[in-house]
């Protein structure tokens, strides 16, 4: 059976969730640093095939990284929703 029914899957523990949030935070930070490198003048060049011509793919790479960062941040927010603000603290 490739994907067992949802009822048979193990429930995610709090530690699993915290580990996933930590992993996502690290990946987000890494991707942001890469984007900062590009913004400071870095370039990304790639070849579509072995021995093929090199071309600048910086703009496409930055756009893809920005979309990926947004997706990772949405996932992190889903795993760790912000606590609603309470105005009565300290009273």
N, C-alpha and C. Protein backbone atom coordinates (compact mmCIF):
# COMPACT_ATOMS: atom_id res chain seq x y z
N UNK A 1 0.85 -1.17 0.00
CA UNK A 1 0.00 0.00 0.00
C UNK A 1 0.90 1.24 0.00
N UNK A 2 0.82 2.06 -1.02
CA UNK A 2 1.69 3.22 -1.16
C UNK A 2 1.42 4.27 -0.08
N UNK A 3 0.18 4.69 0.06
CA UNK A 3 -0.18 5.68 1.07
C UNK A 3 -1.28 5.10 1.95
N UNK A 4 -0.95 4.78 3.21
CA UNK A 4 -1.98 4.22 4.08
C UNK A 4 -3.07 5.26 4.33
N UNK A 5 -4.28 4.79 4.60
CA UNK A 5 -5.35 5.73 4.90
C UNK A 5 -4.98 6.63 6.07
N UNK A 6 -5.52 7.82 6.07
CA UNK A 6 -5.19 8.82 7.08
C UNK A 6 -5.40 8.30 8.50
N UNK A 7 -6.39 7.46 8.70
CA UNK A 7 -6.68 6.94 10.03
C UNK A 7 -5.53 6.13 10.60
N UNK A 8 -4.70 5.54 9.74
CA UNK A 8 -3.59 4.71 10.21
C UNK A 8 -2.29 5.49 10.39
N UNK A 9 -2.25 6.71 9.97
CA UNK A 9 -1.02 7.49 10.11
C UNK A 9 -0.82 7.90 11.55
N UNK A 10 0.44 7.96 11.96
CA UNK A 10 0.73 8.36 13.34
C UNK A 10 0.47 9.85 13.53
N UNK A 11 -0.02 10.18 14.69
CA UNK A 11 -0.28 11.58 15.01
C UNK A 11 1.05 12.29 15.25
N UNK A 12 1.16 13.48 14.72
CA UNK A 12 2.39 14.25 14.88
C UNK A 12 2.51 14.72 16.33
N UNK A 13 3.67 14.51 16.91
CA UNK A 13 3.89 14.95 18.29
C UNK A 13 4.34 16.40 18.31
N UNK A 14 4.31 16.98 19.48
CA UNK A 14 4.75 18.37 19.64
C UNK A 14 6.22 18.52 19.24
N UNK A 15 7.06 17.53 19.61
CA UNK A 15 8.48 17.60 19.26
C UNK A 15 8.68 17.50 17.75
N UNK A 16 7.86 16.67 17.07
CA UNK A 16 7.93 16.59 15.61
C UNK A 16 7.63 17.94 15.00
N UNK A 17 6.61 18.60 15.54
CA UNK A 17 6.21 19.90 15.03
C UNK A 17 7.31 20.93 15.24
N UNK A 18 7.90 20.95 16.44
CA UNK A 18 8.97 21.91 16.72
C UNK A 18 10.19 21.63 15.84
N UNK A 19 10.49 20.36 15.61
CA UNK A 19 11.62 20.02 14.73
C UNK A 19 11.35 20.50 13.31
N UNK A 20 10.13 20.33 12.84
CA UNK A 20 9.77 20.78 11.48
C UNK A 20 9.83 22.30 11.38
N UNK A 21 9.35 23.00 12.41
CA UNK A 21 9.41 24.47 12.42
C UNK A 21 10.86 24.93 12.38
N UNK A 22 11.72 24.27 13.15
CA UNK A 22 13.14 24.62 13.17
C UNK A 22 13.77 24.38 11.79
N UNK A 23 13.43 23.26 11.18
CA UNK A 23 13.94 22.94 9.84
C UNK A 23 13.49 23.98 8.82
N UNK A 24 12.21 24.36 8.88
CA UNK A 24 11.69 25.37 7.96
C UNK A 24 12.37 26.71 8.17
N UNK A 25 12.56 27.10 9.43
CA UNK A 25 13.21 28.38 9.74
C UNK A 25 14.63 28.42 9.19
N UNK A 26 15.36 27.32 9.32
CA UNK A 26 16.71 27.26 8.78
C UNK A 26 16.73 27.37 7.27
N UNK A 27 15.79 26.69 6.62
CA UNK A 27 15.74 26.74 5.16
C UNK A 27 15.36 28.14 4.68
N UNK A 28 14.42 28.78 5.36
CA UNK A 28 14.02 30.14 5.01
C UNK A 28 15.22 31.08 5.14
N UNK A 29 15.94 30.98 6.25
CA UNK A 29 17.11 31.84 6.46
C UNK A 29 18.16 31.62 5.37
N UNK A 30 18.43 30.38 5.05
CA UNK A 30 19.41 30.05 4.02
C UNK A 30 19.02 30.64 2.67
N UNK A 31 17.76 30.49 2.31
CA UNK A 31 17.30 31.02 1.02
C UNK A 31 17.32 32.54 1.00
N UNK A 32 17.00 33.17 2.13
CA UNK A 32 17.07 34.64 2.20
C UNK A 32 18.50 35.12 2.03
N UNK A 33 19.45 34.42 2.67
CA UNK A 33 20.86 34.80 2.52
C UNK A 33 21.31 34.66 1.07
N UNK A 34 20.86 33.62 0.40
CA UNK A 34 21.19 33.44 -1.01
C UNK A 34 20.63 34.61 -1.83
N UNK A 35 19.39 35.03 -1.55
CA UNK A 35 18.79 36.15 -2.27
C UNK A 35 19.55 37.45 -1.99
N UNK A 36 20.01 37.63 -0.75
CA UNK A 36 20.82 38.81 -0.41
C UNK A 36 22.13 38.81 -1.21
N UNK A 37 22.73 37.65 -1.36
CA UNK A 37 23.95 37.52 -2.15
C UNK A 37 23.68 37.95 -3.59
N UNK A 38 22.58 37.50 -4.16
CA UNK A 38 22.23 37.86 -5.54
C UNK A 38 21.99 39.37 -5.64
N UNK A 39 21.27 39.92 -4.66
CA UNK A 39 20.96 41.35 -4.68
C UNK A 39 22.22 42.20 -4.54
N UNK A 40 23.26 41.65 -3.94
CA UNK A 40 24.51 42.40 -3.79
C UNK A 40 25.41 42.27 -5.01
N UNK A 41 24.89 41.68 -6.08
CA UNK A 41 25.67 41.62 -7.32
C UNK A 41 26.02 40.21 -7.78
N UNK A 42 25.61 39.21 -7.05
CA UNK A 42 25.88 37.84 -7.45
C UNK A 42 25.11 37.47 -8.71
N UNK A 43 25.60 36.50 -9.44
CA UNK A 43 24.92 36.03 -10.66
C UNK A 43 24.82 34.53 -10.63
N UNK A 44 23.79 34.02 -11.28
CA UNK A 44 23.61 32.58 -11.41
C UNK A 44 23.65 32.27 -12.90
N UNK A 45 24.60 31.42 -13.29
CA UNK A 45 24.67 31.00 -14.68
C UNK A 45 24.54 29.48 -14.71
N UNK A 46 23.88 28.99 -15.73
CA UNK A 46 23.64 27.55 -15.82
C UNK A 46 23.62 27.12 -17.28
N UNK A 47 23.80 25.84 -17.46
CA UNK A 47 23.72 25.24 -18.79
C UNK A 47 22.56 24.27 -18.77
N UNK A 48 21.76 24.27 -19.82
CA UNK A 48 20.61 23.36 -19.87
C UNK A 48 21.03 21.91 -20.08
N UNK A 49 22.21 21.70 -20.64
CA UNK A 49 22.69 20.33 -20.86
C UNK A 49 24.20 20.31 -20.74
N UNK A 50 24.76 19.13 -20.58
CA UNK A 50 26.21 19.00 -20.52
C UNK A 50 26.82 19.50 -21.83
N UNK A 51 27.76 20.40 -21.70
CA UNK A 51 28.42 20.93 -22.89
C UNK A 51 27.64 22.01 -23.61
N UNK A 52 26.45 22.34 -23.11
CA UNK A 52 25.63 23.37 -23.73
C UNK A 52 26.12 24.76 -23.35
N UNK A 53 25.59 25.77 -24.00
CA UNK A 53 26.01 27.14 -23.69
C UNK A 53 25.51 27.58 -22.31
N UNK A 54 26.33 28.40 -21.68
CA UNK A 54 25.96 28.95 -20.37
C UNK A 54 25.08 30.17 -20.59
N UNK A 55 24.09 30.35 -19.71
CA UNK A 55 23.28 31.56 -19.80
C UNK A 55 22.96 32.05 -18.39
N UNK A 56 22.72 33.35 -18.30
CA UNK A 56 22.42 33.99 -17.02
C UNK A 56 20.96 33.68 -16.65
N UNK A 57 20.76 33.03 -15.52
CA UNK A 57 19.40 32.69 -15.06
C UNK A 57 19.12 33.35 -13.70
N UNK A 58 19.81 34.45 -13.43
CA UNK A 58 19.68 35.13 -12.14
C UNK A 58 18.25 35.55 -11.86
N UNK A 59 17.60 36.24 -12.79
CA UNK A 59 16.25 36.74 -12.56
C UNK A 59 15.26 35.60 -12.28
N UNK A 60 15.36 34.55 -13.07
CA UNK A 60 14.46 33.41 -12.87
C UNK A 60 14.73 32.73 -11.53
N UNK A 61 15.99 32.65 -11.14
CA UNK A 61 16.35 32.02 -9.87
C UNK A 61 15.82 32.82 -8.69
N UNK A 62 15.98 34.13 -8.74
CA UNK A 62 15.48 34.99 -7.65
C UNK A 62 13.96 34.88 -7.55
N UNK A 63 13.27 34.91 -8.66
CA UNK A 63 11.81 34.79 -8.64
C UNK A 63 11.39 33.46 -8.05
N UNK A 64 12.06 32.39 -8.43
CA UNK A 64 11.74 31.07 -7.91
C UNK A 64 12.02 30.98 -6.40
N UNK A 65 13.14 31.55 -5.97
CA UNK A 65 13.49 31.55 -4.55
C UNK A 65 12.47 32.35 -3.73
N UNK A 66 12.03 33.49 -4.25
CA UNK A 66 11.03 34.30 -3.54
C UNK A 66 9.72 33.52 -3.37
N UNK A 67 9.30 32.83 -4.43
CA UNK A 67 8.08 32.02 -4.33
C UNK A 67 8.26 30.89 -3.32
N UNK A 68 9.43 30.27 -3.32
CA UNK A 68 9.68 29.17 -2.39
C UNK A 68 9.72 29.67 -0.94
N UNK A 69 10.31 30.83 -0.71
CA UNK A 69 10.35 31.40 0.63
C UNK A 69 8.93 31.68 1.12
N UNK A 70 8.09 32.25 0.26
CA UNK A 70 6.70 32.52 0.64
C UNK A 70 5.96 31.23 0.99
N UNK A 71 6.17 30.18 0.22
CA UNK A 71 5.52 28.89 0.49
C UNK A 71 6.00 28.32 1.82
N UNK A 72 7.30 28.40 2.08
CA UNK A 72 7.84 27.90 3.35
C UNK A 72 7.30 28.69 4.53
N UNK A 73 7.18 30.02 4.36
CA UNK A 73 6.64 30.85 5.45
C UNK A 73 5.17 30.52 5.71
N UNK A 74 4.40 30.24 4.66
CA UNK A 74 3.00 29.84 4.86
C UNK A 74 2.92 28.53 5.64
N UNK A 75 3.78 27.59 5.29
CA UNK A 75 3.80 26.30 6.00
C UNK A 75 4.18 26.51 7.46
N UNK A 76 5.20 27.33 7.70
CA UNK A 76 5.63 27.59 9.08
C UNK A 76 4.51 28.26 9.88
N UNK A 77 3.81 29.22 9.27
CA UNK A 77 2.69 29.88 9.97
C UNK A 77 1.58 28.88 10.28
N UNK A 78 1.35 27.93 9.38
CA UNK A 78 0.32 26.92 9.62
C UNK A 78 0.69 26.03 10.80
N UNK A 79 1.98 25.70 10.91
CA UNK A 79 2.45 24.86 12.00
C UNK A 79 2.54 25.61 13.32
N UNK A 80 2.77 26.91 13.24
CA UNK A 80 2.98 27.71 14.44
C UNK A 80 2.16 29.00 14.35
N UNK A 81 0.84 28.89 14.48
CA UNK A 81 0.03 30.10 14.40
C UNK A 81 0.37 31.03 15.56
N UNK A 82 0.32 32.30 15.28
CA UNK A 82 0.63 33.29 16.31
C UNK A 82 -0.47 33.29 17.36
N UNK A 83 -0.06 33.46 18.59
CA UNK A 83 -1.03 33.54 19.68
C UNK A 83 -1.78 34.86 19.55
N UNK A 84 -3.11 34.84 19.69
CA UNK A 84 -3.86 36.09 19.60
C UNK A 84 -3.38 37.07 20.68
N UNK A 85 -3.36 38.33 20.33
CA UNK A 85 -2.93 39.35 21.27
C UNK A 85 -3.93 39.47 22.40
N UNK A 86 -3.39 39.53 23.62
CA UNK A 86 -4.25 39.72 24.78
C UNK A 86 -3.91 41.06 25.39
N UNK A 87 -4.91 41.86 25.59
CA UNK A 87 -4.69 43.21 26.11
C UNK A 87 -4.79 43.28 27.63
N UNK A 88 -5.15 42.16 28.26
CA UNK A 88 -5.34 42.19 29.70
C UNK A 88 -4.13 41.63 30.45
N UNK A 89 -3.01 41.41 29.78
CA UNK A 89 -1.83 40.87 30.46
C UNK A 89 -1.29 41.89 31.45
N UNK A 90 -0.82 41.38 32.54
CA UNK A 90 -0.23 42.25 33.54
C UNK A 90 -1.24 42.86 34.49
N UNK A 91 -2.48 42.50 34.33
CA UNK A 91 -3.50 43.06 35.24
C UNK A 91 -3.82 42.10 36.32
